[in-house]
Amino acid sequence: HRYGPHIFHTRAPVVWRYLSQFTE
């Protein structure tokens, strides 16, 4: 990660579902 660690976590199902369209 060029600008330091980016750790993905969320409690928002809408965010999870949205991004899951673009990545496994």
PDBML (XML) file of the C-alpha atoms, coordinates in Angstrom:
<?xml version="1.0" encoding="UTF-8" ?>
<PDBx:datablock datablockName="MODEL"
   xmlns:PDBx="http://pdbml.pdb.org/schema/pdbx-v50.xsd"
   xmlns:xsi="http://www.w3.org/2001/XMLSchema-instance"
   xsi:schemaLocation="http://pdbml.pdb.org/schema/pdbx-v50.xsd pdbx-v50.xsd">
   <PDBx:atom_siteCategory>
      <PDBx:atom_site id="1">
         <PDBx:B_iso_or_equiv>0.00</PDBx:B_iso_or_equiv>
         <PDBx:Cartn_x>0.000</PDBx:Cartn_x>
         <PDBx:Cartn_y>0.000</PDBx:Cartn_y>
         <PDBx:Cartn_z>0.000</PDBx:Cartn_z>
         <PDBx:auth_asym_id>A</PDBx:auth_asym_id>
         <PDBx:auth_atom_id>CA</PDBx:auth_atom_id>
         <PDBx:auth_comp_id>HIS</PDBx:auth_comp_id>
         <PDBx:auth_seq_id>1</PDBx:auth_seq_id>
         <PDBx:group_PDB>ATOM</PDBx:group_PDB>
         <PDBx:label_alt_id xsi:nil="true" />
         <PDBx:label_asym_id>A</PDBx:label_asym_id>
         <PDBx:label_atom_id>CA</PDBx:label_atom_id>
         <PDBx:label_comp_id>HIS</PDBx:label_comp_id>
         <PDBx:label_entity_id>1</PDBx:label_entity_id>
         <PDBx:label_seq_id>1</PDBx:label_seq_id>
         <PDBx:occupancy>1.00</PDBx:occupancy>
         <PDBx:pdbx_PDB_model_num>1</PDBx:pdbx_PDB_model_num>
         <PDBx:type_symbol>C</PDBx:type_symbol>
      </PDBx:atom_site>
      <PDBx:atom_site id="2">
         <PDBx:B_iso_or_equiv>0.00</PDBx:B_iso_or_equiv>
         <PDBx:Cartn_x>1.767</PDBx:Cartn_x>
         <PDBx:Cartn_y>3.098</PDBx:Cartn_y>
         <PDBx:Cartn_z>-1.266</PDBx:Cartn_z>
         <PDBx:auth_asym_id>A</PDBx:auth_asym_id>
         <PDBx:auth_atom_id>CA</PDBx:auth_atom_id>
         <PDBx:auth_comp_id>ARG</PDBx:auth_comp_id>
         <PDBx:auth_seq_id>2</PDBx:auth_seq_id>
         <PDBx:group_PDB>ATOM</PDBx:group_PDB>
         <PDBx:label_alt_id xsi:nil="true" />
         <PDBx:label_asym_id>A</PDBx:label_asym_id>
         <PDBx:label_atom_id>CA</PDBx:label_atom_id>
         <PDBx:label_comp_id>ARG</PDBx:label_comp_id>
         <PDBx:label_entity_id>1</PDBx:label_entity_id>
         <PDBx:label_seq_id>2</PDBx:label_seq_id>
         <PDBx:occupancy>1.00</PDBx:occupancy>
         <PDBx:pdbx_PDB_model_num>1</PDBx:pdbx_PDB_model_num>
         <PDBx:type_symbol>C</PDBx:type_symbol>
      </PDBx:atom_site>
      <PDBx:atom_site id="3">
         <PDBx:B_iso_or_equiv>0.00</PDBx:B_iso_or_equiv>
         <PDBx:Cartn_x>0.348</PDBx:Cartn_x>
         <PDBx:Cartn_y>5.442</PDBx:Cartn_y>
         <PDBx:Cartn_z>1.389</PDBx:Cartn_z>
         <PDBx:auth_asym_id>A</PDBx:auth_asym_id>
         <PDBx:auth_atom_id>CA</PDBx:auth_atom_id>
         <PDBx:auth_comp_id>TYR</PDBx:auth_comp_id>
         <PDBx:auth_seq_id>3</PDBx:auth_seq_id>
         <PDBx:group_PDB>ATOM</PDBx:group_PDB>
         <PDBx:label_alt_id xsi:nil="true" />
         <PDBx:label_asym_id>A</PDBx:label_asym_id>
         <PDBx:label_atom_id>CA</PDBx:label_atom_id>
         <PDBx:label_comp_id>TYR</PDBx:label_comp_id>
         <PDBx:label_entity_id>1</PDBx:label_entity_id>
         <PDBx:label_seq_id>3</PDBx:label_seq_id>
         <PDBx:occupancy>1.00</PDBx:occupancy>
         <PDBx:pdbx_PDB_model_num>1</PDBx:pdbx_PDB_model_num>
         <PDBx:type_symbol>C</PDBx:type_symbol>
      </PDBx:atom_site>
      <PDBx:atom_site id="4">
         <PDBx:B_iso_or_equiv>0.00</PDBx:B_iso_or_equiv>
         <PDBx:Cartn_x>0.309</PDBx:Cartn_x>
         <PDBx:Cartn_y>3.146</PDBx:Cartn_y>
         <PDBx:Cartn_z>4.391</PDBx:Cartn_z>
         <PDBx:auth_asym_id>A</PDBx:auth_asym_id>
         <PDBx:auth_atom_id>CA</PDBx:auth_atom_id>
         <PDBx:auth_comp_id>GLY</PDBx:auth_comp_id>
         <PDBx:auth_seq_id>4</PDBx:auth_seq_id>
         <PDBx:group_PDB>ATOM</PDBx:group_PDB>
         <PDBx:label_alt_id xsi:nil="true" />
         <PDBx:label_asym_id>A</PDBx:label_asym_id>
         <PDBx:label_atom_id>CA</PDBx:label_atom_id>
         <PDBx:label_comp_id>GLY</PDBx:label_comp_id>
         <PDBx:label_entity_id>1</PDBx:label_entity_id>
         <PDBx:label_seq_id>4</PDBx:label_seq_id>
         <PDBx:occupancy>1.00</PDBx:occupancy>
         <PDBx:pdbx_PDB_model_num>1</PDBx:pdbx_PDB_model_num>
         <PDBx:type_symbol>C</PDBx:type_symbol>
      </PDBx:atom_site>
      <PDBx:atom_site id="5">
         <PDBx:B_iso_or_equiv>0.00</PDBx:B_iso_or_equiv>
         <PDBx:Cartn_x>-1.905</PDBx:Cartn_x>
         <PDBx:Cartn_y>0.240</PDBx:Cartn_y>
         <PDBx:Cartn_z>5.468</PDBx:Cartn_z>
         <PDBx:auth_asym_id>A</PDBx:auth_asym_id>
         <PDBx:auth_atom_id>CA</PDBx:auth_atom_id>
         <PDBx:auth_comp_id>PRO</PDBx:auth_comp_id>
         <PDBx:auth_seq_id>5</PDBx:auth_seq_id>
         <PDBx:group_PDB>ATOM</PDBx:group_PDB>
         <PDBx:label_alt_id xsi:nil="true" />
         <PDBx:label_asym_id>A</PDBx:label_asym_id>
         <PDBx:label_atom_id>CA</PDBx:label_atom_id>
         <PDBx:label_comp_id>PRO</PDBx:label_comp_id>
         <PDBx:label_entity_id>1</PDBx:label_entity_id>
         <PDBx:label_seq_id>5</PDBx:label_seq_id>
         <PDBx:occupancy>1.00</PDBx:occupancy>
         <PDBx:pdbx_PDB_model_num>1</PDBx:pdbx_PDB_model_num>
         <PDBx:type_symbol>C</PDBx:type_symbol>
      </PDBx:atom_site>
      <PDBx:atom_site id="6">
         <PDBx:B_iso_or_equiv>0.00</PDBx:B_iso_or_equiv>
         <PDBx:Cartn_x>-5.546</PDBx:Cartn_x>
         <PDBx:Cartn_y>0.340</PDBx:Cartn_y>
         <PDBx:Cartn_z>4.433</PDBx:Cartn_z>
         <PDBx:auth_asym_id>A</PDBx:auth_asym_id>
         <PDBx:auth_atom_id>CA</PDBx:auth_atom_id>
         <PDBx:auth_comp_id>HIS</PDBx:auth_comp_id>
         <PDBx:auth_seq_id>6</PDBx:auth_seq_id>
         <PDBx:group_PDB>ATOM</PDBx:group_PDB>
         <PDBx:label_alt_id xsi:nil="true" />
         <PDBx:label_asym_id>A</PDBx:label_asym_id>
         <PDBx:label_atom_id>CA</PDBx:label_atom_id>
         <PDBx:label_comp_id>HIS</PDBx:label_comp_id>
         <PDBx:label_entity_id>1</PDBx:label_entity_id>
         <PDBx:label_seq_id>6</PDBx:label_seq_id>
         <PDBx:occupancy>1.00</PDBx:occupancy>
         <PDBx:pdbx_PDB_model_num>1</PDBx:pdbx_PDB_model_num>
         <PDBx:type_symbol>C</PDBx:type_symbol>
      </PDBx:atom_site>
      <PDBx:atom_site id="7">
         <PDBx:B_iso_or_equiv>0.00</PDBx:B_iso_or_equiv>
         <PDBx:Cartn_x>-7.521</PDBx:Cartn_x>
         <PDBx:Cartn_y>-2.258</PDBx:Cartn_y>
         <PDBx:Cartn_z>6.370</PDBx:Cartn_z>
         <PDBx:auth_asym_id>A</PDBx:auth_asym_id>
         <PDBx:auth_atom_id>CA</PDBx:auth_atom_id>
         <PDBx:auth_comp_id>ILE</PDBx:auth_comp_id>
         <PDBx:auth_seq_id>7</PDBx:auth_seq_id>
         <PDBx:group_PDB>ATOM</PDBx:group_PDB>
         <PDBx:label_alt_id xsi:nil="true" />
         <PDBx:label_asym_id>A</PDBx:label_asym_id>
         <PDBx:label_atom_id>CA</PDBx:label_atom_id>
         <PDBx:label_comp_id>ILE</PDBx:label_comp_id>
         <PDBx:label_entity_id>1</PDBx:label_entity_id>
         <PDBx:label_seq_id>7</PDBx:label_seq_id>
         <PDBx:occupancy>1.00</PDBx:occupancy>
         <PDBx:pdbx_PDB_model_num>1</PDBx:pdbx_PDB_model_num>
         <PDBx:type_symbol>C</PDBx:type_symbol>
      </PDBx:atom_site>
      <PDBx:atom_site id="8">
         <PDBx:B_iso_or_equiv>0.00</PDBx:B_iso_or_equiv>
         <PDBx:Cartn_x>-11.069</PDBx:Cartn_x>
         <PDBx:Cartn_y>-2.729</PDBx:Cartn_y>
         <PDBx:Cartn_z>5.182</PDBx:Cartn_z>
         <PDBx:auth_asym_id>A</PDBx:auth_asym_id>
         <PDBx:auth_atom_id>CA</PDBx:auth_atom_id>
         <PDBx:auth_comp_id>PHE</PDBx:auth_comp_id>
         <PDBx:auth_seq_id>8</PDBx:auth_seq_id>
         <PDBx:group_PDB>ATOM</PDBx:group_PDB>
         <PDBx:label_alt_id xsi:nil="true" />
         <PDBx:label_asym_id>A</PDBx:label_asym_id>
         <PDBx:label_atom_id>CA</PDBx:label_atom_id>
         <PDBx:label_comp_id>PHE</PDBx:label_comp_id>
         <PDBx:label_entity_id>1</PDBx:label_entity_id>
         <PDBx:label_seq_id>8</PDBx:label_seq_id>
         <PDBx:occupancy>1.00</PDBx:occupancy>
         <PDBx:pdbx_PDB_model_num>1</PDBx:pdbx_PDB_model_num>
         <PDBx:type_symbol>C</PDBx:type_symbol>
      </PDBx:atom_site>
      <PDBx:atom_site id="9">
         <PDBx:B_iso_or_equiv>0.00</PDBx:B_iso_or_equiv>
         <PDBx:Cartn_x>-13.813</PDBx:Cartn_x>
         <PDBx:Cartn_y>-3.384</PDBx:Cartn_y>
         <PDBx:Cartn_z>7.715</PDBx:Cartn_z>
         <PDBx:auth_asym_id>A</PDBx:auth_asym_id>
         <PDBx:auth_atom_id>CA</PDBx:auth_atom_id>
         <PDBx:auth_comp_id>HIS</PDBx:auth_comp_id>
         <PDBx:auth_seq_id>9</PDBx:auth_seq_id>
         <PDBx:group_PDB>ATOM</PDBx:group_PDB>
         <PDBx:label_alt_id xsi:nil="true" />
         <PDBx:label_asym_id>A</PDBx:label_asym_id>
         <PDBx:label_atom_id>CA</PDBx:label_atom_id>
         <PDBx:label_comp_id>HIS</PDBx:label_comp_id>
         <PDBx:label_entity_id>1</PDBx:label_entity_id>
         <PDBx:label_seq_id>9</PDBx:label_seq_id>
         <PDBx:occupancy>1.00</PDBx:occupancy>
         <PDBx:pdbx_PDB_model_num>1</PDBx:pdbx_PDB_model_num>
         <PDBx:type_symbol>C</PDBx:type_symbol>
      </PDBx:atom_site>
      <PDBx:atom_site id="10">
         <PDBx:B_iso_or_equiv>0.00</PDBx:B_iso_or_equiv>
         <PDBx:Cartn_x>-17.388</PDBx:Cartn_x>
         <PDBx:Cartn_y>-2.198</PDBx:Cartn_y>
         <PDBx:Cartn_z>8.004</PDBx:Cartn_z>
         <PDBx:auth_asym_id>A</PDBx:auth_asym_id>
         <PDBx:auth_atom_id>CA</PDBx:auth_atom_id>
         <PDBx:auth_comp_id>THR</PDBx:auth_comp_id>
         <PDBx:auth_seq_id>10</PDBx:auth_seq_id>
         <PDBx:group_PDB>ATOM</PDBx:group_PDB>
         <PDBx:label_alt_id xsi:nil="true" />
         <PDBx:label_asym_id>A</PDBx:label_asym_id>
         <PDBx:label_atom_id>CA</PDBx:label_atom_id>
         <PDBx:label_comp_id>THR</PDBx:label_comp_id>
         <PDBx:label_entity_id>1</PDBx:label_entity_id>
         <PDBx:label_seq_id>10</PDBx:label_seq_id>
         <PDBx:occupancy>1.00</PDBx:occupancy>
         <PDBx:pdbx_PDB_model_num>1</PDBx:pdbx_PDB_model_num>
         <PDBx:type_symbol>C</PDBx:type_symbol>
      </PDBx:atom_site>
      <PDBx:atom_site id="11">
         <PDBx:B_iso_or_equiv>0.00</PDBx:B_iso_or_equiv>
         <PDBx:Cartn_x>-20.592</PDBx:Cartn_x>
         <PDBx:Cartn_y>-2.748</PDBx:Cartn_y>
         <PDBx:Cartn_z>9.907</PDBx:Cartn_z>
         <PDBx:auth_asym_id>A</PDBx:auth_asym_id>
         <PDBx:auth_atom_id>CA</PDBx:auth_atom_id>
         <PDBx:auth_comp_id>ARG</PDBx:auth_comp_id>
         <PDBx:auth_seq_id>11</PDBx:auth_seq_id>
         <PDBx:group_PDB>ATOM</PDBx:group_PDB>
         <PDBx:label_alt_id xsi:nil="true" />
         <PDBx:label_asym_id>A</PDBx:label_asym_id>
         <PDBx:label_atom_id>CA</PDBx:label_atom_id>
         <PDBx:label_comp_id>ARG</PDBx:label_comp_id>
         <PDBx:label_entity_id>1</PDBx:label_entity_id>
         <PDBx:label_seq_id>11</PDBx:label_seq_id>
         <PDBx:occupancy>1.00</PDBx:occupancy>
         <PDBx:pdbx_PDB_model_num>1</PDBx:pdbx_PDB_model_num>
         <PDBx:type_symbol>C</PDBx:type_symbol>
      </PDBx:atom_site>
      <PDBx:atom_site id="12">
         <PDBx:B_iso_or_equiv>0.00</PDBx:B_iso_or_equiv>
         <PDBx:Cartn_x>-22.667</PDBx:Cartn_x>
         <PDBx:Cartn_y>-1.383</PDBx:Cartn_y>
         <PDBx:Cartn_z>7.008</PDBx:Cartn_z>
         <PDBx:auth_asym_id>A</PDBx:auth_asym_id>
         <PDBx:auth_atom_id>CA</PDBx:auth_atom_id>
         <PDBx:auth_comp_id>ALA</PDBx:auth_comp_id>
         <PDBx:auth_seq_id>12</PDBx:auth_seq_id>
         <PDBx:group_PDB>ATOM</PDBx:group_PDB>
         <PDBx:label_alt_id xsi:nil="true" />
         <PDBx:label_asym_id>A</PDBx:label_asym_id>
         <PDBx:label_atom_id>CA</PDBx:label_atom_id>
         <PDBx:label_comp_id>ALA</PDBx:label_comp_id>
         <PDBx:label_entity_id>1</PDBx:label_entity_id>
         <PDBx:label_seq_id>12</PDBx:label_seq_id>
         <PDBx:occupancy>1.00</PDBx:occupancy>
         <PDBx:pdbx_PDB_model_num>1</PDBx:pdbx_PDB_model_num>
         <PDBx:type_symbol>C</PDBx:type_symbol>
      </PDBx:atom_site>
      <PDBx:atom_site id="13">
         <PDBx:B_iso_or_equiv>0.00</PDBx:B_iso_or_equiv>
         <PDBx:Cartn_x>-24.175</PDBx:Cartn_x>
         <PDBx:Cartn_y>-4.142</PDBx:Cartn_y>
         <PDBx:Cartn_z>4.826</PDBx:Cartn_z>
         <PDBx:auth_asym_id>A</PDBx:auth_asym_id>
         <PDBx:auth_atom_id>CA</PDBx:auth_atom_id>
         <PDBx:auth_comp_id>PRO</PDBx:auth_comp_id>
         <PDBx:auth_seq_id>13</PDBx:auth_seq_id>
         <PDBx:group_PDB>ATOM</PDBx:group_PDB>
         <PDBx:label_alt_id xsi:nil="true" />
         <PDBx:label_asym_id>A</PDBx:label_asym_id>
         <PDBx:label_atom_id>CA</PDBx:label_atom_id>
         <PDBx:label_comp_id>PRO</PDBx:label_comp_id>
         <PDBx:label_entity_id>1</PDBx:label_entity_id>
         <PDBx:label_seq_id>13</PDBx:label_seq_id>
         <PDBx:occupancy>1.00</PDBx:occupancy>
         <PDBx:pdbx_PDB_model_num>1</PDBx:pdbx_PDB_model_num>
         <PDBx:type_symbol>C</PDBx:type_symbol>
      </PDBx:atom_site>
      <PDBx:atom_site id="14">
         <PDBx:B_iso_or_equiv>0.00</PDBx:B_iso_or_equiv>
         <PDBx:Cartn_x>-24.975</PDBx:Cartn_x>
         <PDBx:Cartn_y>-1.615</PDBx:Cartn_y>
         <PDBx:Cartn_z>2.089</PDBx:Cartn_z>
         <PDBx:auth_asym_id>A</PDBx:auth_asym_id>
         <PDBx:auth_atom_id>CA</PDBx:auth_atom_id>
         <PDBx:auth_comp_id>VAL</PDBx:auth_comp_id>
         <PDBx:auth_seq_id>14</PDBx:auth_seq_id>
         <PDBx:group_PDB>ATOM</PDBx:group_PDB>
         <PDBx:label_alt_id xsi:nil="true" />
         <PDBx:label_asym_id>A</PDBx:label_asym_id>
         <PDBx:label_atom_id>CA</PDBx:label_atom_id>
         <PDBx:label_comp_id>VAL</PDBx:label_comp_id>
         <PDBx:label_entity_id>1</PDBx:label_entity_id>
         <PDBx:label_seq_id>14</PDBx:label_seq_id>
         <PDBx:occupancy>1.00</PDBx:occupancy>
         <PDBx:pdbx_PDB_model_num>1</PDBx:pdbx_PDB_model_num>
         <PDBx:type_symbol>C</PDBx:type_symbol>
      </PDBx:atom_site>
      <PDBx:atom_site id="15">
         <PDBx:B_iso_or_equiv>0.00</PDBx:B_iso_or_equiv>
         <PDBx:Cartn_x>-21.285</PDBx:Cartn_x>
         <PDBx:Cartn_y>-0.693</PDBx:Cartn_y>
         <PDBx:Cartn_z>1.764</PDBx:Cartn_z>
         <PDBx:auth_asym_id>A</PDBx:auth_asym_id>
         <PDBx:auth_atom_id>CA</PDBx:auth_atom_id>
         <PDBx:auth_comp_id>VAL</PDBx:auth_comp_id>
         <PDBx:auth_seq_id>15</PDBx:auth_seq_id>
         <PDBx:group_PDB>ATOM</PDBx:group_PDB>
         <PDBx:label_alt_id xsi:nil="true" />
         <PDBx:label_asym_id>A</PDBx:label_asym_id>
         <PDBx:label_atom_id>CA</PDBx:label_atom_id>
         <PDBx:label_comp_id>VAL</PDBx:label_comp_id>
         <PDBx:label_entity_id>1</PDBx:label_entity_id>
         <PDBx:label_seq_id>15</PDBx:label_seq_id>
         <PDBx:occupancy>1.00</PDBx:occupancy>
         <PDBx:pdbx_PDB_model_num>1</PDBx:pdbx_PDB_model_num>
         <PDBx:type_symbol>C</PDBx:type_symbol>
      </PDBx:atom_site>
      <PDBx:atom_site id="16">
         <PDBx:B_iso_or_equiv>0.00</PDBx:B_iso_or_equiv>
         <PDBx:Cartn_x>-20.225</PDBx:Cartn_x>
         <PDBx:Cartn_y>-4.347</PDBx:Cartn_y>
         <PDBx:Cartn_z>1.794</PDBx:Cartn_z>
         <PDBx:auth_asym_id>A</PDBx:auth_asym_id>
         <PDBx:auth_atom_id>CA</PDBx:auth_atom_id>
         <PDBx:auth_comp_id>TRP</PDBx:auth_comp_id>
         <PDBx:auth_seq_id>16</PDBx:auth_seq_id>
         <PDBx:group_PDB>ATOM</PDBx:group_PDB>
         <PDBx:label_alt_id xsi:nil="true" />
         <PDBx:label_asym_id>A</PDBx:label_asym_id>
         <PDBx:label_atom_id>CA</PDBx:label_atom_id>
         <PDBx:label_comp_id>TRP</PDBx:label_comp_id>
         <PDBx:label_entity_id>1</PDBx:label_entity_id>
         <PDBx:label_seq_id>16</PDBx:label_seq_id>
         <PDBx:occupancy>1.00</PDBx:occupancy>
         <PDBx:pdbx_PDB_model_num>1</PDBx:pdbx_PDB_model_num>
         <PDBx:type_symbol>C</PDBx:type_symbol>
      </PDBx:atom_site>
      <PDBx:atom_site id="17">
         <PDBx:B_iso_or_equiv>0.00</PDBx:B_iso_or_equiv>
         <PDBx:Cartn_x>-22.774</PDBx:Cartn_x>
         <PDBx:Cartn_y>-5.326</PDBx:Cartn_y>
         <PDBx:Cartn_z>-0.858</PDBx:Cartn_z>
         <PDBx:auth_asym_id>A</PDBx:auth_asym_id>
         <PDBx:auth_atom_id>CA</PDBx:auth_atom_id>
         <PDBx:auth_comp_id>ARG</PDBx:auth_comp_id>
         <PDBx:auth_seq_id>17</PDBx:auth_seq_id>
         <PDBx:group_PDB>ATOM</PDBx:group_PDB>
         <PDBx:label_alt_id xsi:nil="true" />
         <PDBx:label_asym_id>A</PDBx:label_asym_id>
         <PDBx:label_atom_id>CA</PDBx:label_atom_id>
         <PDBx:label_comp_id>ARG</PDBx:label_comp_id>
         <PDBx:label_entity_id>1</PDBx:label_entity_id>
         <PDBx:label_seq_id>17</PDBx:label_seq_id>
         <PDBx:occupancy>1.00</PDBx:occupancy>
         <PDBx:pdbx_PDB_model_num>1</PDBx:pdbx_PDB_model_num>
         <PDBx:type_symbol>C</PDBx:type_symbol>
      </PDBx:atom_site>
      <PDBx:atom_site id="18">
         <PDBx:B_iso_or_equiv>0.00</PDBx:B_iso_or_equiv>
         <PDBx:Cartn_x>-21.870</PDBx:Cartn_x>
         <PDBx:Cartn_y>-2.386</PDBx:Cartn_y>
         <PDBx:Cartn_z>-3.052</PDBx:Cartn_z>
         <PDBx:auth_asym_id>A</PDBx:auth_asym_id>
         <PDBx:auth_atom_id>CA</PDBx:auth_atom_id>
         <PDBx:auth_comp_id>TYR</PDBx:auth_comp_id>
         <PDBx:auth_seq_id>18</PDBx:auth_seq_id>
         <PDBx:group_PDB>ATOM</PDBx:group_PDB>
         <PDBx:label_alt_id xsi:nil="true" />
         <PDBx:label_asym_id>A</PDBx:label_asym_id>
         <PDBx:label_atom_id>CA</PDBx:label_atom_id>
         <PDBx:label_comp_id>TYR</PDBx:label_comp_id>
         <PDBx:label_entity_id>1</PDBx:label_entity_id>
         <PDBx:label_seq_id>18</PDBx:label_seq_id>
         <PDBx:occupancy>1.00</PDBx:occupancy>
         <PDBx:pdbx_PDB_model_num>1</PDBx:pdbx_PDB_model_num>
         <PDBx:type_symbol>C</PDBx:type_symbol>
      </PDBx:atom_site>
      <PDBx:atom_site id="19">
         <PDBx:B_iso_or_equiv>0.00</PDBx:B_iso_or_equiv>
         <PDBx:Cartn_x>-18.111</PDBx:Cartn_x>
         <PDBx:Cartn_y>-3.011</PDBx:Cartn_y>
         <PDBx:Cartn_z>-3.081</PDBx:Cartn_z>
         <PDBx:auth_asym_id>A</PDBx:auth_asym_id>
         <PDBx:auth_atom_id>CA</PDBx:auth_atom_id>
         <PDBx:auth_comp_id>LEU</PDBx:auth_comp_id>
         <PDBx:auth_seq_id>19</PDBx:auth_seq_id>
         <PDBx:group_PDB>ATOM</PDBx:group_PDB>
         <PDBx:label_alt_id xsi:nil="true" />
         <PDBx:label_asym_id>A</PDBx:label_asym_id>
         <PDBx:label_atom_id>CA</PDBx:label_atom_id>
         <PDBx:label_comp_id>LEU</PDBx:label_comp_id>
         <PDBx:label_entity_id>1</PDBx:label_entity_id>
         <PDBx:label_seq_id>19</PDBx:label_seq_id>
         <PDBx:occupancy>1.00</PDBx:occupancy>
         <PDBx:pdbx_PDB_model_num>1</PDBx:pdbx_PDB_model_num>
         <PDBx:type_symbol>C</PDBx:type_symbol>
      </PDBx:atom_site>
      <PDBx:atom_site id="20">
         <PDBx:B_iso_or_equiv>0.00</PDBx:B_iso_or_equiv>
         <PDBx:Cartn_x>-18.633</PDBx:Cartn_x>
         <PDBx:Cartn_y>-6.763</PDBx:Cartn_y>
         <PDBx:Cartn_z>-3.482</PDBx:Cartn_z>
         <PDBx:auth_asym_id>A</PDBx:auth_asym_id>
         <PDBx:auth_atom_id>CA</PDBx:auth_atom_id>
         <PDBx:auth_comp_id>SER</PDBx:auth_comp_id>
         <PDBx:auth_seq_id>20</PDBx:auth_seq_id>
         <PDBx:group_PDB>ATOM</PDBx:group_PDB>
         <PDBx:label_alt_id xsi:nil="true" />
         <PDBx:label_asym_id>A</PDBx:label_asym_id>
         <PDBx:label_atom_id>CA</PDBx:label_atom_id>
         <PDBx:label_comp_id>SER</PDBx:label_comp_id>
         <PDBx:label_entity_id>1</PDBx:label_entity_id>
         <PDBx:label_seq_id>20</PDBx:label_seq_id>
         <PDBx:occupancy>1.00</PDBx:occupancy>
         <PDBx:pdbx_PDB_model_num>1</PDBx:pdbx_PDB_model_num>
         <PDBx:type_symbol>C</PDBx:type_symbol>
      </PDBx:atom_site>
      <PDBx:atom_site id="21">
         <PDBx:B_iso_or_equiv>0.00</PDBx:B_iso_or_equiv>
         <PDBx:Cartn_x>-19.803</PDBx:Cartn_x>
         <PDBx:Cartn_y>-6.027</PDBx:Cartn_y>
         <PDBx:Cartn_z>-7.029</PDBx:Cartn_z>
         <PDBx:auth_asym_id>A</PDBx:auth_asym_id>
         <PDBx:auth_atom_id>CA</PDBx:auth_atom_id>
         <PDBx:auth_comp_id>GLN</PDBx:auth_comp_id>
         <PDBx:auth_seq_id>21</PDBx:auth_seq_id>
         <PDBx:group_PDB>ATOM</PDBx:group_PDB>
         <PDBx:label_alt_id xsi:nil="true" />
         <PDBx:label_asym_id>A</PDBx:label_asym_id>
         <PDBx:label_atom_id>CA</PDBx:label_atom_id>
         <PDBx:label_comp_id>GLN</PDBx:label_comp_id>
         <PDBx:label_entity_id>1</PDBx:label_entity_id>
         <PDBx:label_seq_id>21</PDBx:label_seq_id>
         <PDBx:occupancy>1.00</PDBx:occupancy>
         <PDBx:pdbx_PDB_model_num>1</PDBx:pdbx_PDB_model_num>
         <PDBx:type_symbol>C</PDBx:type_symbol>
      </PDBx:atom_site>
      <PDBx:atom_site id="22">
         <PDBx:B_iso_or_equiv>0.00</PDBx:B_iso_or_equiv>
         <PDBx:Cartn_x>-16.239</PDBx:Cartn_x>
         <PDBx:Cartn_y>-5.003</PDBx:Cartn_y>
         <PDBx:Cartn_z>-7.859</PDBx:Cartn_z>
         <PDBx:auth_asym_id>A</PDBx:auth_asym_id>
         <PDBx:auth_atom_id>CA</PDBx:auth_atom_id>
         <PDBx:auth_comp_id>PHE</PDBx:auth_comp_id>
         <PDBx:auth_seq_id>22</PDBx:auth_seq_id>
         <PDBx:group_PDB>ATOM</PDBx:group_PDB>
         <PDBx:label_alt_id xsi:nil="true" />
         <PDBx:label_asym_id>A</PDBx:label_asym_id>
         <PDBx:label_atom_id>CA</PDBx:label_atom_id>
         <PDBx:label_comp_id>PHE</PDBx:label_comp_id>
         <PDBx:label_entity_id>1</PDBx:label_entity_id>
         <PDBx:label_seq_id>22</PDBx:label_seq_id>
         <PDBx:occupancy>1.00</PDBx:occupancy>
         <PDBx:pdbx_PDB_model_num>1</PDBx:pdbx_PDB_model_num>
         <PDBx:type_symbol>C</PDBx:type_symbol>
      </PDBx:atom_site>
      <PDBx:atom_site id="23">
         <PDBx:B_iso_or_equiv>0.00</PDBx:B_iso_or_equiv>
         <PDBx:Cartn_x>-14.058</PDBx:Cartn_x>
         <PDBx:Cartn_y>-7.387</PDBx:Cartn_y>
         <PDBx:Cartn_z>-5.897</PDBx:Cartn_z>
         <PDBx:auth_asym_id>A</PDBx:auth_asym_id>
         <PDBx:auth_atom_id>CA</PDBx:auth_atom_id>
         <PDBx:auth_comp_id>THR</PDBx:auth_comp_id>
         <PDBx:auth_seq_id>23</PDBx:auth_seq_id>
         <PDBx:group_PDB>ATOM</PDBx:group_PDB>
         <PDBx:label_alt_id xsi:nil="true" />
         <PDBx:label_asym_id>A</PDBx:label_asym_id>
         <PDBx:label_atom_id>CA</PDBx:label_atom_id>
         <PDBx:label_comp_id>THR</PDBx:label_comp_id>
         <PDBx:label_entity_id>1</PDBx:label_entity_id>
         <PDBx:label_seq_id>23</PDBx:label_seq_id>
         <PDBx:occupancy>1.00</PDBx:occupancy>
         <PDBx:pdbx_PDB_model_num>1</PDBx:pdbx_PDB_model_num>
         <PDBx:type_symbol>C</PDBx:type_symbol>
      </PDBx:atom_site>
      <PDBx:atom_site id="24">
         <PDBx:B_iso_or_equiv>0.00</PDBx:B_iso_or_equiv>
         <PDBx:Cartn_x>-13.872</PDBx:Cartn_x>
         <PDBx:Cartn_y>-10.779</PDBx:Cartn_y>
         <PDBx:Cartn_z>-4.304</PDBx:Cartn_z>
         <PDBx:auth_asym_id>A</PDBx:auth_asym_id>
         <PDBx:auth_atom_id>CA</PDBx:auth_atom_id>
         <PDBx:auth_comp_id>GLU</PDBx:auth_comp_id>
         <PDBx:auth_seq_id>24</PDBx:auth_seq_id>
         <PDBx:group_PDB>ATOM</PDBx:group_PDB>
         <PDBx:label_alt_id xsi:nil="true" />
         <PDBx:label_asym_id>A</PDBx:label_asym_id>
         <PDBx:label_atom_id>CA</PDBx:label_atom_id>
         <PDBx:label_comp_id>GLU</PDBx:label_comp_id>
         <PDBx:label_entity_id>1</PDBx:label_entity_id>
         <PDBx:label_seq_id>24</PDBx:label_seq_id>
         <PDBx:occupancy>1.00</PDBx:occupancy>
         <PDBx:pdbx_PDB_model_num>1</PDBx:pdbx_PDB_model_num>
         <PDBx:type_symbol>C</PDBx:type_symbol>
      </PDBx:atom_site>
   </PDBx:atom_siteCategory>
</PDBx:datablock>
